[in-house]
Amino acid sequence: MIKNIVFDISNVLAPFRFKEFLAEKGFDADTIKRIVKASAMTSYWTEFEKGMLTYEEAMNGFISTDAGIAAELHKAYDSCSGIMGKYDYTEGWINALKEAGYSLYCITNFTPAGYEQCYDCIAFVERFDGCVFSFREGVVKPDPEIYKILLSRYDIKAEECVFIDDTEENVISAEKLGFKGIVFTGYDDAVAKLARIVK
């Protein structure tokens, strides 16, 4: 019996507006590609999400990857406000699931800067029964350990959970531990798949 719904946050309950955010800061398409490649596509980003690097250490790592855009990298990340957004459906979805009696949890890869500066976009987590943020735990999805942290900390069973994430690799990792999994491609599709699983 499914008792718990476990969500990823970025691009499931709140949009991660990375390229739009950079465009709003005035960067052209080519510069955005370089910024993404020098930051989000590196191990420094992963370590930042793990909470293993300070902001300064992460920035130094990004710059070491492409020193030619050092100024642009500083401008890109001097503030993360606006990098997350809001979906119209999120609050209603949370309300419906809670009214149906499910406990809600989240497992999410998040940088400390993103959490601190974009909290208004994810404040709905205050209504959840528990959350596991990568930067607090020193581990990121799809490492099985982050799912085990959730199960252990909140004393819940994998077979009683549905995990919803927009990255297939993360869902597969959860399924190997006994979770039911949904690869999120859109709200309506996820709601329909969840209904089939729990009926």
Protein backbone atom coordinates (compact mmCIF):
# COMPACT_ATOMS: atom_id res chain seq x y z
CA MET A 1 0.00 0.00 0.00
CA ILE A 2 1.34 3.41 -0.95
CA LYS A 3 1.46 5.80 1.99
CA ASN A 4 4.13 8.28 0.96
CA ILE A 5 4.79 10.48 -2.06
CA VAL A 6 8.42 11.54 -2.41
CA PHE A 7 9.19 14.43 -4.74
CA ASP A 8 12.17 15.91 -6.43
CA ILE A 9 11.78 19.71 -6.40
CA SER A 10 13.55 21.20 -9.43
CA ASN A 11 11.45 20.95 -12.60
CA VAL A 12 8.81 18.91 -10.76
CA LEU A 13 7.38 21.22 -8.09
CA ALA A 14 9.33 24.37 -9.02
CA PRO A 15 11.00 25.22 -12.33
CA PHE A 16 14.78 25.50 -12.41
CA ARG A 17 15.04 28.52 -14.75
CA PHE A 18 18.77 28.28 -15.39
CA LYS A 19 19.03 29.51 -18.99
CA GLU A 20 16.21 32.03 -18.61
CA PHE A 21 17.89 33.34 -15.44
CA LEU A 22 21.18 33.83 -17.29
CA ALA A 23 19.45 35.47 -20.26
CA GLU A 24 17.76 37.90 -17.88
CA LYS A 25 21.21 38.87 -16.62
CA GLY A 26 22.07 39.96 -20.15
CA PHE A 27 24.09 37.03 -21.47
CA ASP A 28 23.78 35.93 -25.09
CA ALA A 29 23.25 32.30 -26.12
CA ASP A 30 26.93 31.52 -26.71
CA THR A 31 27.98 32.95 -23.35
CA ILE A 32 25.21 31.04 -21.61
CA LYS A 33 26.54 27.80 -23.10
CA ARG A 34 30.03 28.61 -21.81
CA ILE A 35 28.73 29.48 -18.35
CA VAL A 36 26.71 26.26 -18.14
CA LYS A 37 29.66 24.18 -19.35
CA ALA A 38 32.08 25.82 -16.90
CA SER A 39 29.75 25.48 -13.91
CA ALA A 40 26.76 23.17 -13.95
CA MET A 41 28.51 20.56 -16.10
CA THR A 42 31.52 20.21 -13.78
CA SER A 43 32.32 18.22 -10.66
CA TYR A 44 32.59 21.53 -8.79
CA TRP A 45 28.82 21.98 -9.15
CA THR A 46 28.21 18.49 -7.79
CA GLU A 47 30.48 19.15 -4.83
CA PHE A 48 28.67 22.45 -4.23
CA GLU A 49 25.35 20.58 -4.20
CA LYS A 50 26.89 18.19 -1.68
CA GLY A 51 27.77 21.12 0.55
CA MET A 52 31.45 20.19 0.24
CA LEU A 53 32.51 23.52 -1.27
CA THR A 54 31.90 27.06 -0.14
CA TYR A 55 30.57 29.57 -2.65
CA GLU A 56 34.07 30.96 -3.09
CA GLU A 57 35.58 27.51 -3.62
CA ALA A 58 32.91 26.62 -6.17
CA MET A 59 33.47 29.90 -8.03
CA ASN A 60 37.22 29.31 -8.12
CA GLY A 61 36.56 25.88 -9.56
CA PHE A 62 34.24 27.24 -12.24
CA ILE A 63 36.78 29.89 -13.22
CA SER A 64 39.57 27.31 -13.43
CA THR A 65 37.46 25.53 -16.04
CA ASP A 66 37.12 28.61 -18.28
CA ALA A 67 39.17 31.56 -17.03
CA GLY A 68 38.19 33.56 -20.10
CA ILE A 69 34.73 34.17 -18.66
CA ALA A 70 35.71 34.82 -15.04
CA ALA A 71 33.83 38.13 -14.94
CA GLU A 72 30.76 36.56 -16.52
CA LEU A 73 30.78 33.71 -14.00
CA HIS A 74 30.93 36.16 -11.13
CA LYS A 75 28.04 38.14 -12.61
CA ALA A 76 26.05 34.95 -13.22
CA TYR A 77 26.28 33.76 -9.63
CA ASP A 78 26.54 36.97 -7.60
CA SER A 79 22.88 36.34 -6.83
CA CYS A 80 20.77 33.24 -7.42
CA SER A 81 17.48 35.02 -6.84
CA GLY A 82 15.28 34.21 -9.82
CA ILE A 83 16.95 30.95 -10.77
CA MET A 84 13.93 29.10 -9.37
CA GLY A 85 10.32 29.86 -10.24
CA LYS A 86 6.83 28.66 -9.39
CA TYR A 87 4.36 26.33 -11.09
CA ASP A 88 0.63 27.10 -10.94
CA TYR A 89 -0.22 23.50 -10.08
CA THR A 90 2.11 22.88 -7.13
CA GLU A 91 0.02 24.11 -4.21
CA GLY A 92 -3.12 22.41 -5.51
CA TRP A 93 -1.25 19.13 -6.01
CA ILE A 94 0.12 19.25 -2.49
CA ASN A 95 -3.33 20.04 -1.10
CA ALA A 96 -4.95 17.16 -2.98
CA LEU A 97 -2.37 14.61 -1.87
CA LYS A 98 -2.49 15.69 1.76
CA GLU A 99 -6.29 15.64 1.74
CA ALA A 100 -6.11 12.11 0.32
CA GLY A 101 -4.07 11.10 3.37
CA TYR A 102 -0.57 10.76 1.91
CA SER A 103 2.57 11.82 3.72
CA LEU A 104 4.79 14.01 1.55
CA TYR A 105 8.58 14.06 1.41
CA CYS A 106 11.27 15.39 -0.89
CA ILE A 107 14.75 14.31 -1.94
CA THR A 108 16.46 17.02 -3.93
CA ASN A 109 19.87 18.07 -5.21
CA PHE A 110 20.21 21.70 -4.18
CA THR A 111 23.04 24.15 -3.66
CA PRO A 112 23.08 26.11 -0.40
CA ALA A 113 22.99 29.39 -2.34
CA GLY A 114 19.92 28.27 -4.27
CA TYR A 115 18.18 27.23 -1.07
CA GLU A 116 18.93 30.45 0.77
CA GLN A 117 18.16 32.86 -2.06
CA CYS A 118 15.20 31.08 -3.66
CA TYR A 119 13.43 29.79 -0.57
CA ASP A 120 10.28 31.77 -1.39
CA CYS A 121 9.80 29.52 -4.44
CA ILE A 122 10.06 26.31 -2.42
CA ALA A 123 8.45 27.39 0.85
CA PHE A 124 5.84 24.67 0.29
CA VAL A 125 8.37 22.23 1.80
CA GLU A 126 7.28 23.54 5.20
CA ARG A 127 4.11 21.52 4.68
CA PHE A 128 6.00 18.31 3.97
CA ASP A 129 6.57 15.55 6.49
CA GLY A 130 10.28 15.54 5.79
CA CYS A 131 12.93 16.65 3.30
CA VAL A 132 16.43 15.58 2.37
CA PHE A 133 18.55 18.28 0.73
CA SER A 134 21.82 17.19 -0.84
CA PHE A 135 23.86 20.11 0.46
CA ARG A 136 23.00 19.15 4.04
CA GLU A 137 23.84 15.48 3.61
CA GLY A 138 27.04 15.48 1.53
CA VAL A 139 25.49 13.19 -1.06
CA VAL A 140 23.50 13.73 -4.28
CA LYS A 141 21.07 11.70 -6.34
CA PRO A 142 21.32 9.14 -7.83
CA ASP A 143 23.59 7.82 -5.05
CA PRO A 144 21.46 5.22 -3.21
CA GLU A 145 22.62 6.65 0.13
CA ILE A 146 20.46 9.76 -0.20
CA TYR A 147 17.31 7.64 -0.52
CA LYS A 148 18.39 5.52 2.43
CA ILE A 149 18.78 8.68 4.51
CA LEU A 150 15.14 9.54 3.87
CA LEU A 151 13.91 6.06 4.74
CA SER A 152 15.95 5.84 7.92
CA ARG A 153 15.39 9.37 9.19
CA TYR A 154 11.62 9.28 8.81
CA ASP A 155 11.15 5.56 9.49
CA ILE A 156 9.32 4.82 6.26
CA LYS A 157 9.47 1.84 3.90
CA ALA A 158 10.54 2.09 0.26
CA GLU A 159 7.75 -0.21 -0.90
CA GLU A 160 5.22 2.23 0.57
CA CYS A 161 6.67 5.18 -1.39
CA VAL A 162 6.28 6.62 -4.87
CA PHE A 163 9.26 8.70 -6.00
CA ILE A 164 8.71 11.39 -8.66
CA ASP A 165 11.72 12.93 -10.40
CA ASP A 166 12.36 14.45 -13.83
CA THR A 167 15.67 12.56 -14.22
CA GLU A 168 15.28 8.91 -15.20
CA GLU A 169 18.59 7.90 -13.61
CA ASN A 170 17.38 9.16 -10.24
CA VAL A 171 14.12 7.23 -10.55
CA ILE A 172 15.91 4.02 -11.49
CA SER A 173 18.16 4.34 -8.44
CA ALA A 174 15.10 4.69 -6.19
CA GLU A 175 13.33 1.75 -7.85
CA LYS A 176 16.32 -0.49 -7.13
CA LEU A 177 15.70 0.18 -3.44
CA GLY A 178 12.02 -0.73 -3.70
CA PHE A 179 10.34 2.60 -4.44
CA LYS A 180 7.69 2.85 -7.11
CA GLY A 181 8.95 5.39 -9.61
CA ILE A 182 7.57 8.03 -11.96
CA VAL A 183 9.74 9.92 -14.43
CA PHE A 184 8.18 13.36 -14.45
CA THR A 185 7.48 14.77 -17.92
CA GLY A 186 4.55 16.99 -16.95
CA TYR A 187 1.92 17.47 -14.28
CA ASP A 188 -1.03 15.78 -16.01
CA ASP A 189 1.05 12.74 -16.98
CA ALA A 190 2.42 12.37 -13.45
CA VAL A 191 -1.03 12.63 -11.87
CA ALA A 192 -2.34 9.94 -14.23
CA LYS A 193 0.61 7.62 -13.55
CA LEU A 194 0.32 8.14 -9.81
CA ALA A 195 -3.39 7.30 -9.92
CA ARG A 196 -2.60 4.01 -11.67
CA ILE A 197 0.02 3.11 -9.10
CA VAL A 198 -2.05 3.83 -5.98
CA LYS A 199 -5.44 2.45 -7.08
